[in-house]
PDB file of N, CA and C in Angstrom:
ATOM      1  N   GLU A   1    -106.803 179.258  46.990  1.00  0.00           N
ATOM      2  CA  GLU A   1    -105.472 178.799  46.635  1.00  0.00           C
ATOM      3  C   GLU A   1    -105.427 177.295  46.830  1.00  0.00           C
ATOM      4  N   ALA A   2    -104.860 176.604  45.877  1.00  0.00           N
ATOM      5  CA  ALA A   2    -104.733 175.150  45.969  1.00  0.00           C
ATOM      6  C   ALA A   2    -103.441 174.731  45.286  1.00  0.00           C
ATOM      7  N   GLN A   3    -102.913 173.631  45.733  1.00  0.00           N
ATOM      8  CA  GLN A   3    -101.685 173.123  45.126  1.00  0.00           C
ATOM      9  C   GLN A   3    -101.723 171.613  45.164  1.00  0.00           C
ATOM     10  N   TRP A   4    -101.342 170.993  44.063  1.00  0.00           N
ATOM     11  CA  TRP A   4    -101.280 169.541  43.993  1.00  0.00           C
ATOM     12  C   TRP A   4     -99.838 169.133  44.225  1.00  0.00           C
ATOM     13  N   GLU A   5     -99.598 168.404  45.277  1.00  0.00           N
ATOM     14  CA  GLU A   5     -98.243 168.026  45.659  1.00  0.00           C
ATOM     15  C   GLU A   5     -97.654 166.939  44.774  1.00  0.00           C
ATOM     16  N   GLY A   6     -98.474 166.273  43.961  1.00  0.00           N
ATOM     17  CA  GLY A   6     -98.007 165.163  43.151  1.00  0.00           C
ATOM     18  C   GLY A   6     -96.936 165.545  42.150  1.00  0.00           C
ATOM     19  N   ALA A   7     -96.925 166.785  41.700  1.00  0.00           N
ATOM     20  CA  ALA A   7     -95.972 167.202  40.676  1.00  0.00           C
ATOM     21  C   ALA A   7     -94.590 167.486  41.268  1.00  0.00           C
ATOM     22  N   GLY A   8     -94.526 167.766  42.547  1.00  0.00           N
ATOM     23  CA  GLY A   8     -93.247 168.047  43.170  1.00  0.00           C
ATOM     24  C   GLY A   8     -92.771 169.474  43.009  1.00  0.00           C
ATOM     25  N   VAL A   9     -93.496 170.295  42.288  1.00  0.00           N
ATOM     26  CA  VAL A   9     -93.121 171.695  42.091  1.00  0.00           C
ATOM     27  C   VAL A   9     -94.140 172.557  42.817  1.00  0.00           C
ATOM     28  N   GLY A  10     -93.658 173.478  43.632  1.00  0.00           N
ATOM     29  CA  GLY A  10     -94.561 174.355  44.361  1.00  0.00           C
ATOM     30  C   GLY A  10     -94.586 175.749  43.772  1.00  0.00           C
ATOM     31  N   ASP A  11     -95.638 176.472  44.066  1.00  0.00           N
ATOM     32  CA  ASP A  11     -95.754 177.849  43.604  1.00  0.00           C
ATOM     33  C   ASP A  11     -95.229 178.788  44.680  1.00  0.00           C
ATOM     34  N   ARG A  12     -95.011 180.003  44.295  1.00  0.00           N
ATOM     35  CA  ARG A  12     -94.548 181.027  45.236  1.00  0.00           C
ATOM     36  C   ARG A  12     -95.636 181.334  46.258  1.00  0.00           C
ATOM     37  N   ALA A  13     -95.231 181.714  47.447  1.00  0.00           N
ATOM     38  CA  ALA A  13     -96.195 182.042  48.504  1.00  0.00           C
ATOM     39  C   ALA A  13     -96.953 183.324  48.186  1.00  0.00           C
ATOM     40  N   ARG A  14     -96.292 184.274  47.528  1.00  0.00           N
ATOM     41  CA  ARG A  14     -96.924 185.549  47.151  1.00  0.00           C
ATOM     42  C   ARG A  14     -96.619 185.841  45.698  1.00  0.00           C
ATOM     43  N   LEU A  15     -97.618 186.402  45.014  1.00  0.00           N
ATOM     44  CA  LEU A  15     -97.469 186.765  43.607  1.00  0.00           C
ATOM     45  C   LEU A  15     -97.891 188.207  43.401  1.00  0.00           C
ATOM     46  N   SER A  16     -97.208 188.889  42.511  1.00  0.00           N
ATOM     47  CA  SER A  16     -97.619 190.230  42.123  1.00  0.00           C
ATOM     48  C   SER A  16     -98.700 190.096  41.056  1.00  0.00           C
ATOM     49  N   ALA A  17     -99.773 190.836  41.215  1.00  0.00           N
ATOM     50  CA  ALA A  17    -100.851 190.822  40.217  1.00  0.00           C
ATOM     51  C   ALA A  17    -100.623 191.871  39.144  1.00  0.00           C
ATOM     52  N   THR A  18     -99.481 192.540  39.181  1.00  0.00           N
ATOM     53  CA  THR A  18     -99.231 193.613  38.212  1.00  0.00           C
ATOM     54  C   THR A  18     -97.969 193.407  37.402  1.00  0.00           C
ATOM     55  N   ARG A  19     -97.165 192.414  37.730  1.00  0.00           N
ATOM     56  CA  ARG A  19     -95.883 192.218  37.048  1.00  0.00           C
ATOM     57  C   ARG A  19     -95.855 190.912  36.279  1.00  0.00           C
ATOM     58  N   GLY A  20     -95.030 190.869  35.249  1.00  0.00           N
ATOM     59  CA  GLY A  20     -94.739 189.652  34.509  1.00  0.00           C
ATOM     60  C   GLY A  20     -95.920 189.105  33.731  1.00  0.00           C
ATOM     61  N   LEU A  21     -95.776 187.852  33.325  1.00  0.00           N
ATOM     62  CA  LEU A  21     -96.836 187.168  32.594  1.00  0.00           C
ATOM     63  C   LEU A  21     -98.085 187.008  33.458  1.00  0.00           C
ATOM     64  N   THR A  22     -97.890 186.764  34.736  1.00  0.00           N
ATOM     65  CA  THR A  22     -99.022 186.629  35.650  1.00  0.00           C
ATOM     66  C   THR A  22     -99.823 187.923  35.690  1.00  0.00           C
ATOM     67  N   GLY A  23     -99.146 189.053  35.786  1.00  0.00           N
ATOM     68  CA  GLY A  23     -99.825 190.350  35.771  1.00  0.00           C
ATOM     69  C   GLY A  23    -100.534 190.608  34.459  1.00  0.00           C
ATOM     70  N   ALA A  24     -99.935 190.163  33.351  1.00  0.00           N
ATOM     71  CA  ALA A  24    -100.569 190.333  32.039  1.00  0.00           C
ATOM     72  C   ALA A  24    -101.868 189.539  31.959  1.00  0.00           C
ATOM     73  N   VAL A  25    -101.897 188.354  32.545  1.00  0.00           N
ATOM     74  CA  VAL A  25    -103.114 187.546  32.547  1.00  0.00           C
ATOM     75  C   VAL A  25    -104.186 188.210  33.403  1.00  0.00           C
ATOM     76  N   VAL A  26    -103.808 188.734  34.557  1.00  0.00           N
ATOM     77  CA  VAL A  26    -104.770 189.415  35.420  1.00  0.00           C
ATOM     78  C   VAL A  26    -105.330 190.649  34.703  1.00  0.00           C
ATOM     79  N   ALA A  27    -104.473 191.433  34.070  1.00  0.00           N
ATOM     80  CA  ALA A  27    -104.899 192.674  33.421  1.00  0.00           C
ATOM     81  C   ALA A  27    -105.766 192.428  32.192  1.00  0.00           C
ATOM     82  N   ALA A  28    -105.355 191.493  31.344  1.00  0.00           N
ATOM     83  CA  ALA A  28    -106.050 191.292  30.070  1.00  0.00           C
ATOM     84  C   ALA A  28    -107.124 190.206  30.134  1.00  0.00           C
ATOM     85  N   GLY A  29    -107.002 189.282  31.080  1.00  0.00           N
ATOM     86  CA  GLY A  29    -107.963 188.205  31.183  1.00  0.00           C
ATOM     87  C   GLY A  29    -107.798 187.121  30.141  1.00  0.00           C
ATOM     88  N   HIS A  30    -106.638 187.073  29.480  1.00  0.00           N
ATOM     89  CA  HIS A  30    -106.352 186.059  28.470  1.00  0.00           C
ATOM     90  C   HIS A  30    -105.281 185.114  28.995  1.00  0.00           C
ATOM     91  N   PRO A  31    -105.389 183.816  28.682  1.00  0.00           N
ATOM     92  CA  PRO A  31    -104.391 182.863  29.172  1.00  0.00           C
ATOM     93  C   PRO A  31    -103.046 183.025  28.481  1.00  0.00           C
ATOM     94  N   VAL A  32    -102.017 182.563  29.151  1.00  0.00           N
ATOM     95  CA  VAL A  32    -100.678 182.478  28.565  1.00  0.00           C
ATOM     96  C   VAL A  32    -100.278 181.015  28.623  1.00  0.00           C
ATOM     97  N   ALA A  33     -99.875 180.484  27.490  1.00  0.00           N
ATOM     98  CA  ALA A  33     -99.373 179.116  27.406  1.00  0.00           C
ATOM     99  C   ALA A  33     -98.009 179.214  26.743  1.00  0.00           C
ATOM    100  N   SER A  34     -96.977 178.724  27.408  1.00  0.00           N
ATOM    101  CA  SER A  34     -95.637 178.891  26.859  1.00  0.00           C
ATOM    102  C   SER A  34     -94.747 177.720  27.214  1.00  0.00           C
ATOM    103  N   ALA A  35     -94.081 177.192  26.186  1.00  0.00           N
ATOM    104  CA  ALA A  35     -93.074 176.158  26.416  1.00  0.00           C
ATOM    105  C   ALA A  35     -91.744 176.801  26.781  1.00  0.00           C
ATOM    106  N   GLU A  36     -91.534 178.042  26.378  1.00  0.00           N
ATOM    107  CA  GLU A  36     -90.300 178.802  26.657  1.00  0.00           C
ATOM    108  C   GLU A  36     -90.671 180.132  27.296  1.00  0.00           C
ATOM    109  N   VAL A  37     -91.025 180.111  28.568  1.00  0.00           N
ATOM    110  CA  VAL A  37     -91.519 181.322  29.221  1.00  0.00           C
ATOM    111  C   VAL A  37     -90.509 182.457  29.224  1.00  0.00           C
ATOM    112  N   ALA A  38     -89.238 182.147  29.332  1.00  0.00           N
ATOM    113  CA  ALA A  38     -88.214 183.190  29.420  1.00  0.00           C
ATOM    114  C   ALA A  38     -88.053 183.955  28.115  1.00  0.00           C
ATOM    115  N   SER A  39     -88.561 183.419  27.008  1.00  0.00           N
ATOM    116  CA  SER A  39     -88.430 184.115  25.731  1.00  0.00           C
ATOM    117  C   SER A  39     -89.501 185.197  25.550  1.00  0.00           C
ATOM    118  N   ASP A  40     -90.509 185.238  26.402  1.00  0.00           N
ATOM    119  CA  ASP A  40     -91.555 186.249  26.320  1.00  0.00           C
ATOM    120  C   ASP A  40     -91.051 187.543  26.955  1.00  0.00           C
ATOM    121  N   PRO A  41     -91.184 188.692  26.281  1.00  0.00           N
ATOM    122  CA  PRO A  41     -90.671 189.950  26.848  1.00  0.00           C
ATOM    123  C   PRO A  41     -91.360 190.365  28.147  1.00  0.00           C
ATOM    124  N   ARG A  42     -92.533 189.837  28.428  1.00  0.00           N
ATOM    125  CA  ARG A  42     -93.240 190.168  29.677  1.00  0.00           C
ATOM    126  C   ARG A  42     -92.751 189.329  30.855  1.00  0.00           C
ATOM    127  N   PHE A  43     -91.934 188.332  30.595  1.00  0.00           N
ATOM    128  CA  PHE A  43     -91.458 187.405  31.622  1.00  0.00           C
ATOM    129  C   PHE A  43     -90.689 188.147  32.711  1.00  0.00           C
ATOM    130  N   ASP A  44     -91.041 187.874  33.964  1.00  0.00           N
ATOM    131  CA  ASP A  44     -90.361 188.435  35.133  1.00  0.00           C
ATOM    132  C   ASP A  44     -90.011 187.253  36.035  1.00  0.00           C
ATOM    133  N   PRO A  45     -88.718 186.914  36.157  1.00  0.00           N
ATOM    134  CA  PRO A  45     -88.346 185.725  36.939  1.00  0.00           C
ATOM    135  C   PRO A  45     -88.756 185.788  38.404  1.00  0.00           C
ATOM    136  N   ALA A  46     -88.955 186.982  38.949  1.00  0.00           N
ATOM    137  CA  ALA A  46     -89.372 187.102  40.347  1.00  0.00           C
ATOM    138  C   ALA A  46     -90.837 186.720  40.537  1.00  0.00           C
ATOM    139  N   VAL A  47     -91.603 186.682  39.445  1.00  0.00           N
ATOM    140  CA  VAL A  47     -93.027 186.372  39.521  1.00  0.00           C
ATOM    141  C   VAL A  47     -93.373 185.112  38.755  1.00  0.00           C
ATOM    142  N   ASP A  48     -92.804 184.942  37.581  1.00  0.00           N
ATOM    143  CA  ASP A  48     -93.257 183.925  36.639  1.00  0.00           C
ATOM    144  C   ASP A  48     -92.547 182.586  36.726  1.00  0.00           C
ATOM    145  N   THR A  49     -91.736 182.388  37.730  1.00  0.00           N
ATOM    146  CA  THR A  49     -91.115 181.086  37.964  1.00  0.00           C
ATOM    147  C   THR A  49     -91.795 180.425  39.153  1.00  0.00           C
ATOM    148  N   ASP A  50     -91.563 179.128  39.312  1.00  0.00           N
ATOM    149  CA  ASP A  50     -92.122 178.444  40.467  1.00  0.00           C
ATOM    150  C   ASP A  50     -91.296 178.784  41.713  1.00  0.00           C
ATOM    151  N   ALA A  51     -91.605 178.152  42.829  1.00  0.00           N
ATOM    152  CA  ALA A  51     -90.926 178.456  44.092  1.00  0.00           C
ATOM    153  C   ALA A  51     -89.426 178.203  44.029  1.00  0.00           C
ATOM    154  N   GLU A  52     -88.994 177.258  43.168  1.00  0.00           N
ATOM    155  CA  GLU A  52     -87.570 176.964  43.039  1.00  0.00           C
ATOM    156  C   GLU A  52     -86.889 177.813  41.976  1.00  0.00           C
ATOM    157  N   GLY A  53     -87.635 178.692  41.309  1.00  0.00           N
ATOM    158  CA  GLY A  53     -87.057 179.542  40.282  1.00  0.00           C
ATOM    159  C   GLY A  53     -86.906 178.892  38.923  1.00  0.00           C
ATOM    160  N   GLU A  54     -87.546 177.746  38.721  1.00  0.00           N
ATOM    161  CA  GLU A  54     -87.440 177.036  37.447  1.00  0.00           C
ATOM    162  C   GLU A  54     -88.224 177.759  36.358  1.00  0.00           C
ATOM    163  N   ARG A  55     -87.691 177.725  35.155  1.00  0.00           N
ATOM    164  CA  ARG A  55     -88.335 178.359  34.001  1.00  0.00           C
ATOM    165  C   ARG A  55     -88.946 177.298  33.093  1.00  0.00           C
ATOM    166  N   ALA A  56     -89.674 176.384  33.668  1.00  0.00           N
ATOM    167  CA  ALA A  56     -90.263 175.259  32.934  1.00  0.00           C
ATOM    168  C   ALA A  56     -91.505 175.708  32.168  1.00  0.00           C
ATOM    169  N   PRO A  57     -91.974 174.869  31.220  1.00  0.00           N
ATOM    170  CA  PRO A  57     -93.222 175.186  30.524  1.00  0.00           C
ATOM    171  C   PRO A  57     -94.354 175.382  31.521  1.00  0.00           C
ATOM    172  N   ARG A  58     -95.283 176.251  31.155  1.00  0.00           N
ATOM    173  CA  ARG A  58     -96.374 176.528  32.082  1.00  0.00           C
ATOM    174  C   ARG A  58     -97.591 177.088  31.386  1.00  0.00           C
ATOM    175  N   LEU A  59     -98.688 177.043  32.115  1.00  0.00           N
ATOM    176  CA  LEU A  59     -99.931 177.698  31.730  1.00  0.00           C
ATOM    177  C   LEU A  59    -100.265 178.688  32.835  1.00  0.00           C
ATOM    178  N   ILE A  60    -100.698 179.860  32.449  1.00  0.00           N
ATOM    179  CA  ILE A  60    -101.224 180.834  33.408  1.00  0.00           C
ATOM    180  C   ILE A  60    -102.618 181.164  32.902  1.00  0.00           C
ATOM    181  N   LEU A  61    -103.613 180.798  33.672  1.00  0.00           N
ATOM    182  CA  LEU A  61    -104.996 180.868  33.233  1.00  0.00           C
ATOM    183  C   LEU A  61    -105.805 181.832  34.086  1.00  0.00           C
ATOM    184  N   PRO A  62    -106.599 182.699  33.462  1.00  0.00           N
ATOM    185  CA  PRO A  62    -107.472 183.555  34.261  1.00  0.00           C
ATOM    186  C   PRO A  62    -108.660 182.768  34.786  1.00  0.00           C
ATOM    187  N   MET A  63    -109.041 183.021  35.997  1.00  0.00           N
ATOM    188  CA  MET A  63    -110.253 182.443  36.571  1.00  0.00           C
ATOM    189  C   MET A  63    -111.322 183.520  36.400  1.00  0.00           C
ATOM    190  N   ARG A  64    -112.254 183.291  35.482  1.00  0.00           N
ATOM    191  CA  ARG A  64    -113.234 184.318  35.123  1.00  0.00           C
ATOM    192  C   ARG A  64    -114.590 184.053  35.760  1.00  0.00           C
ATOM    193  N   PHE A  65    -115.244 185.160  36.102  1.00  0.00           N
ATOM    194  CA  PHE A  65    -116.630 185.125  36.563  1.00  0.00           C
ATOM    195  C   PHE A  65    -117.310 186.368  36.024  1.00  0.00           C
ATOM    196  N   ARG A  66    -118.348 186.153  35.220  1.00  0.00           N
ATOM    197  CA  ARG A  66    -119.091 187.240  34.589  1.00  0.00           C
ATOM    198  C   ARG A  66    -118.176 188.204  33.834  1.00  0.00           C
ATOM    199  N   GLY A  67    -117.228 187.638  33.101  1.00  0.00           N
ATOM    200  CA  GLY A  67    -116.354 188.436  32.251  1.00  0.00           C
ATOM    201  C   GLY A  67    -115.190 189.102  32.961  1.00  0.00           C
ATOM    202  N   THR A  68    -115.053 188.890  34.255  1.00  0.00           N
ATOM    203  CA  THR A  68    -113.983 189.515  35.031  1.00  0.00           C
ATOM    204  C   THR A  68    -113.022 188.447  35.528  1.00  0.00           C
ATOM    205  N   ALA A  69    -111.733 188.703  35.405  1.00  0.00           N
ATOM    206  CA  ALA A  69    -110.733 187.782  35.941  1.00  0.00           C
ATOM    207  C   ALA A  69    -110.628 188.007  37.450  1.00  0.00           C
ATOM    208  N   LEU A  70    -110.974 186.977  38.224  1.00  0.00           N
ATOM    209  CA  LEU A  70    -110.922 187.062  39.685  1.00  0.00           C
ATOM    210  C   LEU A  70    -109.564 186.662  40.237  1.00  0.00           C
ATOM    211  N   GLY A  71    -108.818 185.902  39.457  1.00  0.00           N
ATOM    212  CA  GLY A  71    -107.524 185.414  39.884  1.00  0.00           C
ATOM    213  C   GLY A  71    -106.922 184.581  38.777  1.00  0.00           C
ATOM    214  N   VAL A  72    -105.870 183.864  39.100  1.00  0.00           N
ATOM    215  CA  VAL A  72    -105.196 183.053  38.098  1.00  0.00           C
ATOM    216  C   VAL A  72    -104.926 181.659  38.641  1.00  0.00           C
ATOM    217  N   ALA A  73    -104.837 180.717  37.720  1.00  0.00           N
ATOM    218  CA  ALA A  73    -104.362 179.370  38.018  1.00  0.00           C
ATOM    219  C   ALA A  73    -103.053 179.210  37.267  1.00  0.00           C
ATOM    220  N   ARG A  74    -102.018 178.756  37.955  1.00  0.00           N
ATOM    221  CA  ARG A  74    -100.702 178.564  37.339  1.00  0.00           C
ATOM    222  C   ARG A  74    -100.385 177.077  37.357  1.00  0.00           C
ATOM    223  N   VAL A  75    -100.062 176.538  36.178  1.00  0.00           N
ATOM    224  CA  VAL A  75     -99.769 175.115  36.030  1.00  0.00           C
ATOM    225  C   VAL A  75     -98.325 174.987  35.555  1.00  0.00           C
ATOM    226  N   PHE A  76     -97.497 174.312  36.336  1.00  0.00           N
ATOM    227  CA  PHE A  76     -96.089 174.123  36.016  1.00  0.00           C
ATOM    228  C   PHE A  76     -95.832 172.682  35.633  1.00  0.00           C
ATOM    229  N   GLY A  77     -94.805 172.455  34.860  1.00  0.00           N
ATOM    230  CA  GLY A  77     -94.425 171.095  34.527  1.00  0.00           C
ATOM    231  C   GLY A  77     -93.258 171.061  33.568  1.00  0.00           C
ATOM    232  N   ASP A  78     -92.766 169.868  33.289  1.00  0.00           N
ATOM    233  CA  ASP A  78     -91.634 169.702  32.380  1.00  0.00           C
ATOM    234  C   ASP A  78     -92.061 169.404  30.958  1.00  0.00           C
ATOM    235  N   ASP A  79     -93.323 169.063  30.763  1.00  0.00           N
ATOM    236  CA  ASP A  79     -93.809 168.659  29.444  1.00  0.00           C
ATOM    237  C   ASP A  79     -94.052 169.882  28.566  1.00  0.00           C
ATOM    238  N   PRO A  80     -93.380 169.996  27.412  1.00  0.00           N
ATOM    239  CA  PRO A  80     -93.576 171.149  26.533  1.00  0.00           C
ATOM    240  C   PRO A  80     -95.000 171.285  26.011  1.00  0.00           C
ATOM    241  N   ARG A  81     -95.801 170.215  26.101  1.00  0.00           N
ATOM    242  CA  ARG A  81     -97.200 170.317  25.662  1.00  0.00           C
ATOM    243  C   ARG A  81     -97.997 171.271  26.536  1.00  0.00           C
ATOM    244  N   LEU A  82     -97.459 171.618  27.715  1.00  0.00           N
ATOM    245  CA  LEU A  82     -98.121 172.620  28.550  1.00  0.00           C
ATOM    246  C   LEU A  82     -98.186 173.967  27.841  1.00  0.00           C
ATOM    247  N   GLY A  83     -97.356 174.173  26.845  1.00  0.00           N
ATOM    248  CA  GLY A  83     -97.348 175.420  26.103  1.00  0.00           C
ATOM    249  C   GLY A  83     -98.442 175.514  25.058  1.00  0.00           C
ATOM    250  N   SER A  84     -99.397 174.609  25.075  1.00  0.00           N
ATOM    251  CA  SER A  84    -100.463 174.560  24.081  1.00  0.00           C
ATOM    252  C   SER A  84    -101.567 175.568  24.395  1.00  0.00           C
ATOM    253  N   ALA A  85    -101.857 176.432  23.414  1.00  0.00           N
ATOM    254  CA  ALA A  85    -102.941 177.412  23.580  1.00  0.00           C
ATOM    255  C   ALA A  85    -104.292 176.707  23.697  1.00  0.00           C
ATOM    256  N   GLY A  86    -104.466 175.601  22.965  1.00  0.00           N
ATOM    257  CA  GLY A  86    -105.723 174.855  23.043  1.00  0.00           C
ATOM    258  C   GLY A  86    -105.966 174.292  24.427  1.00  0.00           C
ATOM    259  N   LEU A  87    -104.923 173.716  25.039  1.00  0.00           N
ATOM    260  CA  LEU A  87    -105.047 173.206  26.402  1.00  0.00           C
ATOM    261  C   LEU A  87    -105.377 174.340  27.369  1.00  0.00           C
ATOM    262  N   ALA A  88    -104.758 175.496  27.179  1.00  0.00           N
ATOM    263  CA  ALA A  88    -105.021 176.652  28.038  1.00  0.00           C
ATOM    264  C   ALA A  88    -106.483 177.064  27.972  1.00  0.00           C
ATOM    265  N   GLU A  89    -107.049 177.114  26.778  1.00  0.00           N
ATOM    266  CA  GLU A  89    -108.451 177.515  26.621  1.00  0.00           C
ATOM    267  C   GLU A  89    -109.400 176.516  27.279  1.00  0.00           C
ATOM    268  N   VAL A  90    -109.167 175.222  27.042  1.00  0.00           N
ATOM    269  CA  VAL A  90    -110.051 174.196  27.590  1.00  0.00           C
ATOM    270  C   VAL A  90    -109.948 174.148  29.112  1.00  0.00           C
ATOM    271  N   LEU A  91    -108.731 174.124  29.624  1.00  0.00           N
ATOM    272  CA  LEU A  91    -108.546 174.045  31.073  1.00  0.00           C
ATOM    273  C   LEU A  91    -109.033 175.322  31.752  1.00  0.00           C
ATOM    274  N   GLY A  92    -108.763 176.475  31.148  1.00  0.00           N
ATOM    275  CA  GLY A  92    -109.238 177.741  31.713  1.00  0.00           C
ATOM    276  C   GLY A  92    -110.753 177.797  31.780  1.00  0.00           C
ATOM    277  N   ALA A  93    -111.427 177.327  30.732  1.00  0.00           N
ATOM    278  CA  ALA A  93    -112.896 177.307  30.729  1.00  0.00           C
ATOM    279  C   ALA A  93    -113.436 176.373  31.801  1.00  0.00           C
ATOM    280  N   ALA A  94    -112.808 175.207  31.958  1.00  0.00           N
ATOM    281  CA  ALA A  94    -113.266 174.244  32.962  1.00  0.00           C
ATOM    282  C   ALA A  94    -113.082 174.787  34.376  1.00  0.00           C
ATOM    283  N   LEU A  95    -111.942 175.388  34.647  1.00  0.00           N
ATOM    284  CA  LEU A  95    -111.700 175.941  35.983  1.00  0.00           C
ATOM    285  C   LEU A  95    -112.614 177.133  36.264  1.00  0.00           C
ATOM    286  N   SER A  96    -112.841 177.968  35.260  1.00  0.00           N
ATOM    287  CA  SER A  96    -113.752 179.103  35.435  1.00  0.00           C
ATOM    288  C   SER A  96    -115.175 178.615  35.695  1.00  0.00           C
ATOM    289  N   ALA A  97    -115.588 177.542  35.023  1.00  0.00           N
ATOM    290  CA  ALA A  97    -116.916 176.972  35.269  1.00  0.00           C
ATOM    291  C   ALA A  97    -117.022 176.462  36.702  1.00  0.00           C
ATOM    292  N   ALA A  98    -115.957 175.866  37.211  1.00  0.00           N
ATOM    293  CA  ALA A  98    -115.963 175.392  38.600  1.00  0.00           C
ATOM    294  C   ALA A  98    -116.111 176.563  39.568  1.00  0.00           C
ATOM    295  N   VAL A  99    -115.404 177.655  39.309  1.00  0.00           N
ATOM    296  CA  VAL A  99    -115.517 178.845  40.159  1.00  0.00           C
ATOM    297  C   VAL A  99    -116.945 179.391  40.100  1.00  0.00           C
ATOM    298  N   ARG A 100    -117.501 179.472  38.897  1.00  0.00           N
ATOM    299  CA  ARG A 100    -118.865 179.968  38.713  1.00  0.00           C
ATOM    300  C   ARG A 100    -119.852 179.091  39.479  1.00  0.00           C
ATOM    301  N   ASN A 101    -119.683 177.772  39.432  1.00  0.00           N
ATOM    302  CA  ASN A 101    -120.582 176.871  40.155  1.00  0.00           C
ATOM    303  C   ASN A 101    -120.513 177.088  41.658  1.00  0.00           C
ATOM    304  N   VAL A 102    -119.338 177.356  42.176  1.00  0.00           N
ATOM    305  CA  VAL A 102    -119.198 177.629  43.612  1.00  0.00           C
ATOM    306  C   VAL A 102    -119.961 178.889  43.986  1.00  0.00           C
ATOM    307  N   PHE A 103    -119.805 179.951  43.181  1.00  0.00           N
ATOM    308  CA  PHE A 103    -120.534 181.199  43.459  1.00  0.00           C
ATOM    309  C   PHE A 103    -122.044 180.999  43.357  1.00  0.00           C
ATOM    310  N   LEU A 104    -122.494 180.271  42.346  1.00  0.00           N
ATOM    311  CA  LEU A 104    -123.930 180.044  42.182  1.00  0.00           C
ATOM    312  C   LEU A 104    -124.485 179.200  43.325  1.00  0.00           C
ATOM    313  N   TYR A 105    -123.748 178.192  43.755  1.00  0.00           N
ATOM    314  CA  TYR A 105    -124.182 177.364  44.874  1.00  0.00           C
ATOM    315  C   TYR A 105    -124.278 178.203  46.147  1.00  0.00           C
ATOM    316  N   ARG A 106    -123.264 179.034  46.374  1.00  0.00           N
ATOM    317  CA  ARG A 106    -123.280 179.883  47.568  1.00  0.00           C
ATOM    318  C   ARG A 106    -124.464 180.845  47.537  1.00  0.00           C
ATOM    319  N   SER A 107    -124.766 181.398  46.362  1.00  0.00           N
ATOM    320  CA  SER A 107    -125.898 182.301  46.207  1.00  0.00           C
ATOM    321  C   SER A 107    -127.213 181.567  46.469  1.00  0.00           C
ATOM    322  N   LEU A 108    -127.324 180.338  45.977  1.00  0.00           N
ATOM    323  CA  LEU A 108    -128.531 179.541  46.195  1.00  0.00           C
ATOM    324  C   LEU A 108    -128.725 179.255  47.676  1.00  0.00           C
ATOM    325  N   VAL A 109    -127.665 178.873  48.372  1.00  0.00           N
ATOM    326  CA  VAL A 109    -127.762 178.590  49.803  1.00  0.00           C
ATOM    327  C   VAL A 109    -128.164 179.853  50.570  1.00  0.00           C
ATOM    328  N   ASP A 110    -127.574 180.997  50.218  1.00  0.00           N
ATOM    329  CA  ASP A 110    -127.939 182.254  50.875  1.00  0.00           C
ATOM    330  C   ASP A 110    -129.419 182.579  50.654  1.00  0.00           C
ATOM    331  N   SER A 111    -129.899 182.385  49.422  1.00  0.00           N
ATOM    332  CA  SER A 111    -131.309 182.652  49.119  1.00  0.00           C
ATOM    333  C   SER A 111    -132.224 181.736  49.916  1.00  0.00           C
ATOM    334  N   MET A 112    -131.865 180.462  50.024  1.00  0.00           N
ATOM    335  CA  MET A 112    -132.678 179.520  50.788  1.00  0.00           C
ATOM    336  C   MET A 112    -132.703 179.898  52.266  1.00  0.00           C
ATOM    337  N   ASN A 113    -131.571 180.345  52.800  1.00  0.00           N
ATOM    338  CA  ASN A 113    -131.516 180.762  54.204  1.00  0.00           C
ATOM    339  C   ASN A 113    -132.360 182.009  54.435  1.00  0.00           C
ATOM    340  N   GLU A 114    -132.330 182.960  53.505  1.00  0.00           N
ATOM    341  CA  GLU A 114    -133.146 184.178  53.626  1.00  0.00           C
ATOM    342  C   GLU A 114    -134.627 183.837  53.589  1.00  0.00           C
ATOM    343  N   LEU A 115    -135.010 182.927  52.700  1.00  0.00           N
ATOM    344  CA  LEU A 115    -136.407 182.507  52.620  1.00  0.00           C
ATOM    345  C   LEU A 115    -136.840 181.825  53.903  1.00  0.00           C
ATOM    346  N   ALA A 116    -136.010 180.954  54.439  1.00  0.00           N
ATOM    347  CA  ALA A 116    -136.341 180.271  55.695  1.00  0.00           C
ATOM    348  C   ALA A 116    -136.472 181.278  56.831  1.00  0.00           C
ATOM    349  N   ASP A 117    -135.587 182.267  56.889  1.00  0.00           N
ATOM    350  CA  ASP A 117    -135.662 183.291  57.927  1.00  0.00           C
ATOM    351  C   ASP A 117    -136.948 184.104  57.791  1.00  0.00           C
ATOM    352  N   ALA A 118    -137.327 184.442  56.564  1.00  0.00           N
ATOM    353  CA  ALA A 118    -138.552 185.213  56.340  1.00  0.00           C
ATOM    354  C   ALA A 118    -139.791 184.416  56.766  1.00  0.00           C
ATOM    355  N   ARG A 119    -139.809 183.116  56.470  1.00  0.00           N
ATOM    356  CA  ARG A 119    -140.944 182.283  56.882  1.00  0.00           C
ATOM    357  C   ARG A 119    -141.034 182.169  58.397  1.00  0.00           C
ATOM    358  N   ARG A 120    -139.883 182.020  59.054  1.00  0.00           N
ATOM    359  CA  ARG A 120    -139.881 181.950  60.518  1.00  0.00           C
ATOM    360  C   ARG A 120    -140.372 183.268  61.105  1.00  0.00           C
ATOM    361  N   ALA A 121    -139.976 184.381  60.521  1.00  0.00           N
ATOM    362  CA  ALA A 121    -140.400 185.693  61.024  1.00  0.00           C
ATOM    363  C   ALA A 121    -141.904 185.882  60.842  1.00  0.00           C
ATOM    364  N   ASP A 122    -142.480 185.346  59.749  1.00  0.00           N
ATOM    365  CA  ASP A 122    -143.915 185.463  59.515  1.00  0.00           C
ATOM    366  C   ASP A 122    -144.711 184.631  60.531  1.00  0.00           C
ATOM    367  N   ARG A 123    -144.163 183.512  60.956  1.00  0.00           N
ATOM    368  CA  ARG A 123    -144.863 182.646  61.915  1.00  0.00           C
ATOM    369  C   ARG A 123    -144.824 183.240  63.321  1.00  0.00           C
ATOM    370  N   ASP A 124    -143.829 184.028  63.614  1.00  0.00           N
ATOM    371  CA  ASP A 124    -143.683 184.597  64.988  1.00  0.00           C
ATOM    372  C   ASP A 124    -144.550 185.775  65.227  1.00  0.00           C
TER     373      ASP A 124
END
């Protein structure tokens, strides 16, 4: 979980992974980009608004790893350009690549530690 304080808008402390637009992104693994979130029939104000309950333009992006949505990134703002499907695809791909790199790095470090442990065990 991360939040950039520069925008002045905070996210909710808890989110339902089964309700609203956020739940739809988790279930389907496809991003939602909307300048008018309240006009979407899946919109649930208890889930799909920011901490202050604002219905501003937003992106809800799946964080994917090996074809599975592990979580979501929610981007809030006042700029209607946030409702761009193209921006959602590009930003979602970039964030998913960052998640993938973290997992691959962690796997590499674990493998190196296992190899070092095996070499130490062979010397003993």
